[in-house]
Amino acid sequence: MERTNVVRIALIFALALWSNGPAHAAQITILVNQGALSGVRDLAAGFEKASGHKVVIDFVGVPEQAEKINSDAPGDVVVNFMPAFEDLIKRNKVVGSVVEFARAGNGVAVTAGAPKPDISTAAALKQALLNANSIASIPASATGAQLAGIYERLGITDEMKAKTKAQPAPKQVVEAVANGEAELAVFGLNVLIDPRLDIVGPFPAEVQREVVYAAGVAADSKEPEAAKAFLAYLMSPPATAVIKSKGMNPG
């Protein structure tokens, strides 16, 4: 996307400016939904080390995050799914350029040590899902909506409704499989990376869909320069390495 490339160049330039040291050490708060928590937590740690700024992460579910933003809760950076930012900018909740920093595809995981089904093709994935006794996921989420579309394409919508054990948050998707409540975890790969689970793999390319995570500066930020520096850091090589380690692709 041309606009993203322009923003990337501008932010890398900004990164070079602040990498010599901030004018003063600031504290910023990042409002993030739980789907992006694991990646943002490690990105924040790298940013603190590189910049000298302090980061506080305020993480909640998607509905709770929306409530906080709507009520102008204290925050400097908003991390959300990219489609949400059009409305946030329109309502002056986020200002300036928005950075698309990571993309997360869907995948499958099992309890550590359990046999891994074949999901290498759309047909194999369909059969693996049909063979599973139970599946942990979050139907009421952006990823859940994507999965519903994939199930429809595979012709297994009704079967998946019967098999799916709906969870309230990403952490519970992992817990459900780790404790044996569900056989498969089917969700964003970035959520499924956990030592108690083994990743079977990503969905095959012909049915794969991705959610795009983005970040912007909150309109009421008390430390807008430090917030912009965090956005710049998201485009840096160290941040790219963290994003890949979390099962995501750089934006």
C-alpha atoms as a PDB file:
ATOM      1  CA  MET A   1       0.000   0.000   0.000  1.00  0.00           C
ATOM      2  CA  GLU A   2       1.610   3.269  -1.113  1.00  0.00           C
ATOM      3  CA  ARG A   3       0.520   5.228   1.968  1.00  0.00           C
ATOM      4  CA  THR A   4       2.043   2.609   4.245  1.00  0.00           C
ATOM      5  CA  ASN A   5       5.360   2.804   2.405  1.00  0.00           C
ATOM      6  CA  VAL A   6       5.434   6.586   2.835  1.00  0.00           C
ATOM      7  CA  VAL A   7       4.679   6.227   6.533  1.00  0.00           C
ATOM      8  CA  ARG A   8       7.388   3.568   6.837  1.00  0.00           C
ATOM      9  CA  ILE A   9      10.036   5.885   5.387  1.00  0.00           C
ATOM     10  CA  ALA A  10       8.961   8.770   7.606  1.00  0.00           C
ATOM     11  CA  LEU A  11       9.012   6.665  10.735  1.00  0.00           C
ATOM     12  CA  ILE A  12      12.369   5.086  10.018  1.00  0.00           C
ATOM     13  CA  PHE A  13      13.715   8.614   9.682  1.00  0.00           C
ATOM     14  CA  ALA A  14      12.120   9.477  13.023  1.00  0.00           C
ATOM     15  CA  LEU A  15      13.736   6.400  14.536  1.00  0.00           C
ATOM     16  CA  ALA A  16      17.139   7.645  13.485  1.00  0.00           C
ATOM     17  CA  LEU A  17      16.443  10.966  15.172  1.00  0.00           C
ATOM     18  CA  TRP A  18      15.497   9.569  18.578  1.00  0.00           C
ATOM     19  CA  SER A  19      17.941   6.655  18.647  1.00  0.00           C
ATOM     20  CA  ASN A  20      20.676   9.019  19.839  1.00  0.00           C
ATOM     21  CA  GLY A  21      18.711   9.426  23.072  1.00  0.00           C
ATOM     22  CA  PRO A  22      15.412  11.054  24.068  1.00  0.00           C
ATOM     23  CA  ALA A  23      15.301  14.647  25.277  1.00  0.00           C
ATOM     24  CA  HIS A  24      13.767  13.279  28.482  1.00  0.00           C
ATOM     25  CA  ALA A  25      12.700   9.864  29.697  1.00  0.00           C
ATOM     26  CA  ALA A  26       8.912   9.648  29.431  1.00  0.00           C
ATOM     27  CA  GLN A  27       6.317   7.087  30.446  1.00  0.00           C
ATOM     28  CA  ILE A  28       3.734   6.050  27.885  1.00  0.00           C
ATOM     29  CA  THR A  29       0.682   3.809  28.198  1.00  0.00           C
ATOM     30  CA  ILE A  30      -0.257   1.472  25.370  1.00  0.00           C
ATOM     31  CA  LEU A  31      -3.929   0.487  25.073  1.00  0.00           C
ATOM     32  CA  VAL A  32      -3.896  -2.953  23.451  1.00  0.00           C
ATOM     33  CA  ASN A  33      -6.399  -5.762  22.964  1.00  0.00           C
ATOM     34  CA  GLN A  34      -5.465  -9.226  24.202  1.00  0.00           C
ATOM     35  CA  GLY A  35      -4.950 -10.654  20.724  1.00  0.00           C
ATOM     36  CA  ALA A  36      -1.821  -8.540  20.241  1.00  0.00           C
ATOM     37  CA  LEU A  37      -0.629  -8.656  23.843  1.00  0.00           C
ATOM     38  CA  SER A  38       2.236 -11.157  23.579  1.00  0.00           C
ATOM     39  CA  GLY A  39       3.884  -9.329  20.705  1.00  0.00           C
ATOM     40  CA  VAL A  40       3.361  -5.838  22.101  1.00  0.00           C
ATOM     41  CA  ARG A  41       4.722  -6.858  25.494  1.00  0.00           C
ATOM     42  CA  ASP A  42       8.060  -7.917  23.996  1.00  0.00           C
ATOM     43  CA  LEU A  43       8.122  -4.977  21.592  1.00  0.00           C
ATOM     44  CA  ALA A  44       7.628  -2.624  24.530  1.00  0.00           C
ATOM     45  CA  ALA A  45      10.545  -4.223  26.386  1.00  0.00           C
ATOM     46  CA  GLY A  46      12.810  -3.691  23.381  1.00  0.00           C
ATOM     47  CA  PHE A  47      11.635  -0.117  23.004  1.00  0.00           C
ATOM     48  CA  GLU A  48      12.355   0.632  26.672  1.00  0.00           C
ATOM     49  CA  LYS A  49      15.891  -0.678  26.314  1.00  0.00           C
ATOM     50  CA  ALA A  50      16.544   1.198  23.074  1.00  0.00           C
ATOM     51  CA  SER A  51      14.932   4.519  23.986  1.00  0.00           C
ATOM     52  CA  GLY A  52      15.141   4.969  27.746  1.00  0.00           C
ATOM     53  CA  HIS A  53      11.383   5.557  27.899  1.00  0.00           C
ATOM     54  CA  LYS A  54       9.082   3.573  30.216  1.00  0.00           C
ATOM     55  CA  VAL A  55       6.079   1.647  28.882  1.00  0.00           C
ATOM     56  CA  VAL A  56       2.911   0.633  30.711  1.00  0.00           C
ATOM     57  CA  ILE A  57       0.709  -1.875  28.872  1.00  0.00           C
ATOM     58  CA  ASP A  58      -3.026  -1.648  29.478  1.00  0.00           C
ATOM     59  CA  PHE A  59      -4.515  -4.806  27.953  1.00  0.00           C
ATOM     60  CA  VAL A  60      -8.144  -5.878  27.875  1.00  0.00           C
ATOM     61  CA  GLY A  61     -10.577  -7.620  25.560  1.00  0.00           C
ATOM     62  CA  VAL A  62     -11.744  -5.892  22.388  1.00  0.00           C
ATOM     63  CA  PRO A  63     -15.069  -4.596  23.832  1.00  0.00           C
ATOM     64  CA  GLU A  64     -13.366  -3.326  26.983  1.00  0.00           C
ATOM     65  CA  GLN A  65     -10.675  -1.626  24.933  1.00  0.00           C
ATOM     66  CA  ALA A  66     -13.343   0.161  22.908  1.00  0.00           C
ATOM     67  CA  GLU A  67     -14.994   1.350  26.130  1.00  0.00           C
ATOM     68  CA  LYS A  68     -11.692   2.734  27.410  1.00  0.00           C
ATOM     69  CA  ILE A  69     -10.989   4.575  24.174  1.00  0.00           C
ATOM     70  CA  ASN A  70     -14.532   5.963  24.022  1.00  0.00           C
ATOM     71  CA  SER A  71     -14.287   7.214  27.601  1.00  0.00           C
ATOM     72  CA  ASP A  72     -10.887   8.855  26.922  1.00  0.00           C
ATOM     73  CA  ALA A  73      -9.088   6.659  29.437  1.00  0.00           C
ATOM     74  CA  PRO A  74      -5.428   7.678  29.880  1.00  0.00           C
ATOM     75  CA  GLY A  75      -3.295   6.350  27.063  1.00  0.00           C
ATOM     76  CA  ASP A  76      -0.634   7.369  24.559  1.00  0.00           C
ATOM     77  CA  VAL A  77      -0.664   4.622  21.930  1.00  0.00           C
ATOM     78  CA  VAL A  78      -3.604   2.582  20.647  1.00  0.00           C
ATOM     79  CA  VAL A  79      -2.936  -0.883  19.208  1.00  0.00           C
ATOM     80  CA  ASN A  80      -5.895  -2.394  17.391  1.00  0.00           C
ATOM     81  CA  PHE A  81      -6.982  -4.153  14.231  1.00  0.00           C
ATOM     82  CA  MET A  82      -6.345  -1.934  11.204  1.00  0.00           C
ATOM     83  CA  PRO A  83     -10.025  -1.569  10.178  1.00  0.00           C
ATOM     84  CA  ALA A  84     -10.831   0.026  13.545  1.00  0.00           C
ATOM     85  CA  PHE A  85      -8.630   3.053  12.899  1.00  0.00           C
ATOM     86  CA  GLU A  86     -10.786   4.667  10.249  1.00  0.00           C
ATOM     87  CA  ASP A  87     -13.480   5.267  12.865  1.00  0.00           C
ATOM     88  CA  LEU A  88     -10.963   6.189  15.585  1.00  0.00           C
ATOM     89  CA  ILE A  89      -9.425   8.873  13.381  1.00  0.00           C
ATOM     90  CA  LYS A  90     -12.819  10.147  12.283  1.00  0.00           C
ATOM     91  CA  ARG A  91     -13.835  10.557  15.936  1.00  0.00           C
ATOM     92  CA  ASN A  92     -10.483  12.174  16.830  1.00  0.00           C
ATOM     93  CA  LYS A  93      -9.498   9.383  19.188  1.00  0.00           C
ATOM     94  CA  VAL A  94      -6.262   8.808  17.244  1.00  0.00           C
ATOM     95  CA  VAL A  95      -4.212  11.473  15.459  1.00  0.00           C
ATOM     96  CA  GLY A  96      -1.481  11.394  12.847  1.00  0.00           C
ATOM     97  CA  SER A  97      -0.257   8.463  10.780  1.00  0.00           C
ATOM     98  CA  VAL A  98      -1.252   4.896  11.623  1.00  0.00           C
ATOM     99  CA  VAL A  99       1.385   2.175  11.359  1.00  0.00           C
ATOM    100  CA  GLU A 100       0.541  -1.311  10.121  1.00  0.00           C
ATOM    101  CA  PHE A 101       3.206  -3.267  11.976  1.00  0.00           C
ATOM    102  CA  ALA A 102       2.169  -6.941  12.009  1.00  0.00           C
ATOM    103  CA  ARG A 103      -0.063  -9.469  10.289  1.00  0.00           C
ATOM    104  CA  ALA A 104      -1.253 -12.659  11.969  1.00  0.00           C
ATOM    105  CA  GLY A 105      -2.559 -15.666  10.084  1.00  0.00           C
ATOM    106  CA  ASN A 106      -4.665 -18.503  11.413  1.00  0.00           C
ATOM    107  CA  GLY A 107      -3.282 -21.826  12.575  1.00  0.00           C
ATOM    108  CA  VAL A 108      -3.808 -24.983  14.557  1.00  0.00           C
ATOM    109  CA  ALA A 109      -2.169 -26.191  17.769  1.00  0.00           C
ATOM    110  CA  VAL A 110      -2.386 -29.309  19.935  1.00  0.00           C
ATOM    111  CA  THR A 111      -1.291 -30.188  23.449  1.00  0.00           C
ATOM    112  CA  ALA A 112       2.489 -30.546  23.625  1.00  0.00           C
ATOM    113  CA  GLY A 113       3.460 -34.069  22.590  1.00  0.00           C
ATOM    114  CA  ALA A 114       0.102 -34.945  21.017  1.00  0.00           C
ATOM    115  CA  PRO A 115      -0.091 -36.261  17.430  1.00  0.00           C
ATOM    116  CA  LYS A 116      -0.288 -33.517  14.809  1.00  0.00           C
ATOM    117  CA  PRO A 117      -2.923 -33.824  12.097  1.00  0.00           C
ATOM    118  CA  ASP A 118      -2.117 -33.059   8.467  1.00  0.00           C
ATOM    119  CA  ILE A 119      -3.313 -29.552   7.531  1.00  0.00           C
ATOM    120  CA  SER A 120      -1.025 -29.025   4.549  1.00  0.00           C
ATOM    121  CA  THR A 121      -3.857 -28.567   2.040  1.00  0.00           C
ATOM    122  CA  ALA A 122      -7.402 -27.225   2.229  1.00  0.00           C
ATOM    123  CA  ALA A 123      -8.735 -30.773   1.929  1.00  0.00           C
ATOM    124  CA  ALA A 124      -6.432 -32.029   4.690  1.00  0.00           C
ATOM    125  CA  LEU A 125      -7.375 -29.122   6.951  1.00  0.00           C
ATOM    126  CA  LYS A 126     -11.060 -29.837   6.396  1.00  0.00           C
ATOM    127  CA  GLN A 127     -10.595 -33.478   7.331  1.00  0.00           C
ATOM    128  CA  ALA A 128      -8.495 -32.628  10.395  1.00  0.00           C
ATOM    129  CA  LEU A 129     -11.201 -30.268  11.657  1.00  0.00           C
ATOM    130  CA  LEU A 130     -13.920 -32.843  11.017  1.00  0.00           C
ATOM    131  CA  ASN A 131     -11.903 -35.547  12.804  1.00  0.00           C
ATOM    132  CA  ALA A 132     -11.350 -33.429  15.919  1.00  0.00           C
ATOM    133  CA  ASN A 133     -13.604 -34.109  18.881  1.00  0.00           C
ATOM    134  CA  SER A 134     -13.511 -30.486  20.024  1.00  0.00           C
ATOM    135  CA  ILE A 135     -11.995 -27.148  19.048  1.00  0.00           C
ATOM    136  CA  ALA A 136     -11.130 -24.136  21.210  1.00  0.00           C
ATOM    137  CA  SER A 137     -11.592 -20.756  19.541  1.00  0.00           C
ATOM    138  CA  ILE A 138     -13.274 -17.358  19.937  1.00  0.00           C
ATOM    139  CA  PRO A 139     -16.174 -17.095  17.493  1.00  0.00           C
ATOM    140  CA  ALA A 140     -17.027 -13.585  18.749  1.00  0.00           C
ATOM    141  CA  SER A 141     -13.827 -11.942  17.492  1.00  0.00           C
ATOM    142  CA  ALA A 142     -12.254 -10.604  14.309  1.00  0.00           C
ATOM    143  CA  THR A 143     -10.382 -13.881  13.879  1.00  0.00           C
ATOM    144  CA  GLY A 144     -13.552 -15.811  14.647  1.00  0.00           C
ATOM    145  CA  ALA A 145     -15.319 -13.998  11.816  1.00  0.00           C
ATOM    146  CA  GLN A 146     -12.472 -14.958   9.480  1.00  0.00           C
ATOM    147  CA  LEU A 147     -12.692 -18.586  10.581  1.00  0.00           C
ATOM    148  CA  ALA A 148     -16.438 -18.588   9.974  1.00  0.00           C
ATOM    149  CA  GLY A 149     -15.764 -17.542   6.382  1.00  0.00           C
ATOM    150  CA  ILE A 150     -13.160 -20.284   5.975  1.00  0.00           C
ATOM    151  CA  TYR A 151     -15.515 -22.912   7.415  1.00  0.00           C
ATOM    152  CA  GLU A 152     -18.203 -21.781   5.010  1.00  0.00           C
ATOM    153  CA  ARG A 153     -15.799 -22.100   2.097  1.00  0.00           C
ATOM    154  CA  LEU A 154     -14.864 -25.610   3.254  1.00  0.00           C
ATOM    155  CA  GLY A 155     -18.531 -26.531   3.652  1.00  0.00           C
ATOM    156  CA  ILE A 156     -18.279 -27.401   7.356  1.00  0.00           C
ATOM    157  CA  THR A 157     -20.071 -24.497   9.069  1.00  0.00           C
ATOM    158  CA  ASP A 158     -22.607 -26.624  10.980  1.00  0.00           C
ATOM    159  CA  GLU A 159     -20.031 -29.201  12.035  1.00  0.00           C
ATOM    160  CA  MET A 160     -17.709 -26.521  13.405  1.00  0.00           C
ATOM    161  CA  LYS A 161     -20.502 -24.866  15.373  1.00  0.00           C
ATOM    162  CA  ALA A 162     -21.114 -28.191  17.090  1.00  0.00           C
ATOM    163  CA  LYS A 163     -17.435 -28.863  17.805  1.00  0.00           C
ATOM    164  CA  THR A 164     -16.298 -25.396  18.863  1.00  0.00           C
ATOM    165  CA  LYS A 165     -15.873 -24.674  22.560  1.00  0.00           C
ATOM    166  CA  ALA A 166     -16.141 -20.887  22.598  1.00  0.00           C
ATOM    167  CA  GLN A 167     -13.633 -19.102  24.829  1.00  0.00           C
ATOM    168  CA  PRO A 168     -13.843 -15.546  26.192  1.00  0.00           C
ATOM    169  CA  ALA A 169     -10.257 -14.495  25.467  1.00  0.00           C
ATOM    170  CA  PRO A 170      -7.050 -15.683  23.737  1.00  0.00           C
ATOM    171  CA  LYS A 171      -5.516 -16.920  26.983  1.00  0.00           C
ATOM    172  CA  GLN A 172      -8.438 -19.272  27.500  1.00  0.00           C
ATOM    173  CA  VAL A 173      -8.004 -20.752  24.008  1.00  0.00           C
ATOM    174  CA  VAL A 174      -4.545 -21.925  25.061  1.00  0.00           C
ATOM    175  CA  GLU A 175      -5.744 -23.058  28.492  1.00  0.00           C
ATOM    176  CA  ALA A 176      -8.582 -25.138  27.029  1.00  0.00           C
ATOM    177  CA  VAL A 177      -6.177 -27.243  24.963  1.00  0.00           C
ATOM    178  CA  ALA A 178      -3.391 -27.343  27.552  1.00  0.00           C
ATOM    179  CA  ASN A 179      -5.746 -28.767  30.199  1.00  0.00           C
ATOM    180  CA  GLY A 180      -7.441 -31.230  27.850  1.00  0.00           C
ATOM    181  CA  GLU A 181     -10.802 -29.491  27.588  1.00  0.00           C
ATOM    182  CA  ALA A 182     -10.418 -29.246  23.804  1.00  0.00           C
ATOM    183  CA  GLU A 183      -8.438 -31.289  21.290  1.00  0.00           C
ATOM    184  CA  LEU A 184      -7.406 -28.513  18.900  1.00  0.00           C
ATOM    185  CA  ALA A 185      -6.794 -24.795  19.271  1.00  0.00           C
ATOM    186  CA  VAL A 186      -7.793 -22.969  16.096  1.00  0.00           C
ATOM    187  CA  PHE A 187      -7.010 -19.263  16.121  1.00  0.00           C
ATOM    188  CA  GLY A 188      -4.359 -16.664  15.259  1.00  0.00           C
ATOM    189  CA  LEU A 189      -0.894 -18.214  15.341  1.00  0.00           C
ATOM    190  CA  ASN A 190       0.437 -15.385  17.502  1.00  0.00           C
ATOM    191  CA  VAL A 191      -2.021 -16.400  20.238  1.00  0.00           C
ATOM    192  CA  LEU A 192      -1.162 -20.109  20.068  1.00  0.00           C
ATOM    193  CA  ILE A 193       2.571 -19.835  20.768  1.00  0.00           C
ATOM    194  CA  ASP A 194       2.880 -21.313  24.257  1.00  0.00           C
ATOM    195  CA  PRO A 195       5.264 -23.953  25.703  1.00  0.00           C
ATOM    196  CA  ARG A 196       2.293 -26.141  26.665  1.00  0.00           C
ATOM    197  CA  LEU A 197       1.171 -26.391  23.045  1.00  0.00           C
ATOM    198  CA  ASP A 198       2.749 -27.637  19.824  1.00  0.00           C
ATOM    199  CA  ILE A 199       1.989 -25.650  16.696  1.00  0.00           C
ATOM    200  CA  VAL A 200       0.655 -27.933  13.954  1.00  0.00           C
ATOM    201  CA  GLY A 201       1.115 -25.172  11.430  1.00  0.00           C
ATOM    202  CA  PRO A 202      -0.546 -22.263   9.657  1.00  0.00           C
ATOM    203  CA  PHE A 203      -3.604 -22.742   7.481  1.00  0.00           C
ATOM    204  CA  PRO A 204      -2.705 -23.595   3.873  1.00  0.00           C
ATOM    205  CA  ALA A 205      -2.313 -20.588   1.612  1.00  0.00           C
ATOM    206  CA  GLU A 206      -5.492 -21.231  -0.373  1.00  0.00           C
ATOM    207  CA  VAL A 207      -7.686 -20.598   2.684  1.00  0.00           C
ATOM    208  CA  GLN A 208      -5.405 -18.469   4.856  1.00  0.00           C
ATOM    209  CA  ARG A 209      -6.588 -15.057   5.990  1.00  0.00           C
ATOM    210  CA  GLU A 210      -4.756 -12.537   8.144  1.00  0.00           C
ATOM    211  CA  VAL A 211      -5.658  -9.868  10.641  1.00  0.00           C
ATOM    212  CA  VAL A 212      -3.559  -6.708  10.475  1.00  0.00           C
ATOM    213  CA  TYR A 213      -2.425  -5.057  13.695  1.00  0.00           C
ATOM    214  CA  ALA A 214      -1.784  -1.330  13.630  1.00  0.00           C
ATOM    215  CA  ALA A 215      -0.804   1.406  16.067  1.00  0.00           C
ATOM    216  CA  GLY A 216      -1.539   5.102  16.350  1.00  0.00           C
ATOM    217  CA  VAL A 217      -0.996   7.970  18.760  1.00  0.00           C
ATOM    218  CA  ALA A 218      -3.925   8.646  21.074  1.00  0.00           C
ATOM    219  CA  ALA A 219      -5.383  12.136  20.664  1.00  0.00           C
ATOM    220  CA  ASP A 220      -5.078  12.844  24.394  1.00  0.00           C
ATOM    221  CA  SER A 221      -1.526  11.544  24.755  1.00  0.00           C
ATOM    222  CA  LYS A 222       0.490  13.359  27.417  1.00  0.00           C
ATOM    223  CA  GLU A 223       3.728  12.218  25.765  1.00  0.00           C
ATOM    224  CA  PRO A 224       3.102  12.400  22.002  1.00  0.00           C
ATOM    225  CA  GLU A 225       6.794  12.511  21.039  1.00  0.00           C
ATOM    226  CA  ALA A 226       7.561   9.338  22.986  1.00  0.00           C
ATOM    227  CA  ALA A 227       4.432   7.756  21.500  1.00  0.00           C
ATOM    228  CA  LYS A 228       5.654   8.617  17.983  1.00  0.00           C
ATOM    229  CA  ALA A 229       9.033   7.137  18.882  1.00  0.00           C
ATOM    230  CA  PHE A 230       7.312   3.866  19.799  1.00  0.00           C
ATOM    231  CA  LEU A 231       5.584   3.821  16.410  1.00  0.00           C
ATOM    232  CA  ALA A 232       8.974   4.381  14.790  1.00  0.00           C
ATOM    233  CA  TYR A 233      10.441   1.506  16.785  1.00  0.00           C
ATOM    234  CA  LEU A 234       7.735  -0.819  15.426  1.00  0.00           C
ATOM    235  CA  MET A 235       9.326  -0.417  11.981  1.00  0.00           C
ATOM    236  CA  SER A 236      12.886  -1.163  13.127  1.00  0.00           C
ATOM    237  CA  PRO A 237      14.861  -4.396  12.495  1.00  0.00           C
ATOM    238  CA  PRO A 238      14.788  -5.421  16.197  1.00  0.00           C
ATOM    239  CA  ALA A 239      11.014  -5.065  16.225  1.00  0.00           C
ATOM    240  CA  THR A 240      10.727  -7.095  13.016  1.00  0.00           C
ATOM    241  CA  ALA A 241      12.636  -9.936  14.684  1.00  0.00           C
ATOM    242  CA  VAL A 242      10.267  -9.896  17.668  1.00  0.00           C
ATOM    243  CA  ILE A 243       7.196  -9.864  15.416  1.00  0.00           C
ATOM    244  CA  LYS A 244       8.430 -12.923  13.527  1.00  0.00           C
ATOM    245  CA  SER A 245       9.228 -14.768  16.761  1.00  0.00           C
ATOM    246  CA  LYS A 246       5.593 -14.324  17.810  1.00  0.00           C
ATOM    247  CA  GLY A 247       4.230 -16.139  14.779  1.00  0.00           C
ATOM    248  CA  MET A 248       3.372 -12.960  12.888  1.00  0.00           C
ATOM    249  CA  ASN A 249       4.620 -11.305   9.721  1.00  0.00           C
ATOM    250  CA  PRO A 250       5.890  -7.713   9.743  1.00  0.00           C
ATOM    251  CA  GLY A 251       3.304  -5.248   8.452  1.00  0.00           C
END
